[in-house]
Amino acid sequence: MKPVLHKGDDGIFDVEVDGSLVFSKHEAGRFPEDDEVLALLRG
């Protein structure tokens, strides 16, 4: 799993791994908390 940064528009902040959405600022209505994305990736 290699992280890749893609420039978004309109404040988009999505985290995708292997084509699967892990976290979306748009859907959550907020930025992730500290270590939240890592916890989601670890399952």
N, C-alpha and C. Protein backbone atom coordinates (compact mmCIF):
# COMPACT_ATOMS: atom_id res chain seq x y z
N MET A 1 0.85 -1.16 0.00
CA MET A 1 0.00 0.00 0.00
C MET A 1 0.90 1.23 0.00
N LYS A 2 0.89 1.96 -1.10
CA LYS A 2 1.71 3.15 -1.23
C LYS A 2 0.81 4.38 -1.25
N PRO A 3 1.02 5.33 -0.33
CA PRO A 3 0.17 6.52 -0.31
C PRO A 3 0.44 7.41 -1.53
N VAL A 4 -0.63 7.95 -2.07
CA VAL A 4 -0.53 8.87 -3.20
C VAL A 4 -1.40 10.07 -2.90
N LEU A 5 -0.86 11.26 -3.08
CA LEU A 5 -1.61 12.48 -2.84
C LEU A 5 -2.12 13.03 -4.16
N HIS A 6 -3.43 13.25 -4.24
CA HIS A 6 -4.05 13.84 -5.42
C HIS A 6 -4.66 15.17 -5.01
N LYS A 7 -4.39 16.20 -5.78
CA LYS A 7 -4.95 17.52 -5.51
C LYS A 7 -6.45 17.48 -5.75
N GLY A 8 -7.22 17.98 -4.79
CA GLY A 8 -8.67 18.05 -4.92
C GLY A 8 -9.12 19.49 -5.07
N ASP A 9 -10.39 19.68 -5.26
CA ASP A 9 -10.98 21.00 -5.37
C ASP A 9 -12.04 21.18 -4.30
N ASP A 10 -12.35 22.42 -3.98
CA ASP A 10 -13.45 22.75 -3.08
C ASP A 10 -13.32 22.14 -1.69
N GLY A 11 -12.09 22.00 -1.18
CA GLY A 11 -11.88 21.50 0.17
C GLY A 11 -12.08 20.01 0.33
N ILE A 12 -12.01 19.26 -0.75
CA ILE A 12 -12.17 17.81 -0.68
C ILE A 12 -11.00 17.19 0.07
N PHE A 13 -11.29 16.32 1.00
CA PHE A 13 -10.26 15.57 1.71
C PHE A 13 -10.77 14.14 1.84
N ASP A 14 -10.36 13.28 0.92
CA ASP A 14 -10.75 11.87 0.93
C ASP A 14 -9.50 11.02 1.07
N VAL A 15 -9.62 9.94 1.80
CA VAL A 15 -8.54 8.97 1.92
C VAL A 15 -9.03 7.69 1.28
N GLU A 16 -8.31 7.26 0.24
CA GLU A 16 -8.63 6.02 -0.47
C GLU A 16 -7.45 5.07 -0.39
N VAL A 17 -7.73 3.79 -0.25
CA VAL A 17 -6.71 2.76 -0.27
C VAL A 17 -7.14 1.69 -1.26
N ASP A 18 -6.31 1.45 -2.24
CA ASP A 18 -6.60 0.46 -3.27
C ASP A 18 -7.98 0.66 -3.88
N GLY A 19 -8.37 1.92 -4.08
CA GLY A 19 -9.64 2.23 -4.71
C GLY A 19 -10.83 2.25 -3.77
N SER A 20 -10.63 1.93 -2.49
CA SER A 20 -11.73 1.93 -1.51
C SER A 20 -11.65 3.19 -0.65
N LEU A 21 -12.76 3.85 -0.48
CA LEU A 21 -12.83 5.06 0.34
C LEU A 21 -12.75 4.68 1.81
N VAL A 22 -11.75 5.24 2.51
CA VAL A 22 -11.54 4.97 3.93
C VAL A 22 -12.13 6.08 4.78
N PHE A 23 -11.93 7.33 4.35
CA PHE A 23 -12.47 8.48 5.08
C PHE A 23 -12.78 9.57 4.08
N SER A 24 -13.91 10.26 4.29
CA SER A 24 -14.30 11.38 3.45
C SER A 24 -14.72 12.55 4.33
N LYS A 25 -14.02 13.66 4.20
CA LYS A 25 -14.39 14.87 4.94
C LYS A 25 -15.79 15.32 4.54
N HIS A 26 -16.11 15.17 3.26
CA HIS A 26 -17.43 15.59 2.77
C HIS A 26 -18.54 14.76 3.45
N GLU A 27 -18.36 13.45 3.52
CA GLU A 27 -19.37 12.59 4.13
C GLU A 27 -19.44 12.78 5.65
N ALA A 28 -18.27 12.93 6.30
CA ALA A 28 -18.23 13.06 7.75
C ALA A 28 -18.54 14.48 8.21
N GLY A 29 -18.34 15.46 7.32
CA GLY A 29 -18.58 16.85 7.68
C GLY A 29 -17.48 17.45 8.54
N ARG A 30 -16.31 16.80 8.56
CA ARG A 30 -15.20 17.24 9.40
C ARG A 30 -13.91 16.58 8.92
N PHE A 31 -12.79 17.12 9.40
CA PHE A 31 -11.52 16.45 9.17
C PHE A 31 -11.41 15.30 10.16
N PRO A 32 -10.60 14.28 9.86
CA PRO A 32 -10.45 13.18 10.81
C PRO A 32 -9.72 13.62 12.07
N GLU A 33 -10.03 12.96 13.17
CA GLU A 33 -9.33 13.19 14.44
C GLU A 33 -7.92 12.62 14.34
N ASP A 34 -7.06 13.01 15.28
CA ASP A 34 -5.71 12.46 15.33
C ASP A 34 -5.76 10.94 15.33
N ASP A 35 -5.00 10.32 14.49
CA ASP A 35 -4.87 8.86 14.37
C ASP A 35 -6.13 8.14 13.91
N GLU A 36 -7.19 8.86 13.56
CA GLU A 36 -8.43 8.21 13.13
C GLU A 36 -8.25 7.41 11.85
N VAL A 37 -7.55 7.98 10.87
CA VAL A 37 -7.35 7.28 9.60
C VAL A 37 -6.50 6.04 9.82
N LEU A 38 -5.45 6.16 10.63
CA LEU A 38 -4.63 4.98 10.92
C LEU A 38 -5.44 3.89 11.59
N ALA A 39 -6.31 4.26 12.52
CA ALA A 39 -7.16 3.27 13.19
C ALA A 39 -8.09 2.59 12.19
N LEU A 40 -8.63 3.36 11.24
CA LEU A 40 -9.51 2.79 10.23
C LEU A 40 -8.74 1.81 9.33
N LEU A 41 -7.51 2.16 9.00
CA LEU A 41 -6.70 1.29 8.16
C LEU A 41 -6.32 0.01 8.87
N ARG A 42 -6.11 0.10 10.16
CA ARG A 42 -5.72 -1.09 10.94
C ARG A 42 -6.91 -2.01 11.21
N GLY A 43 -8.11 -1.44 11.08
CA GLY A 43 -9.32 -2.23 11.22
C GLY A 43 -9.70 -2.53 12.60
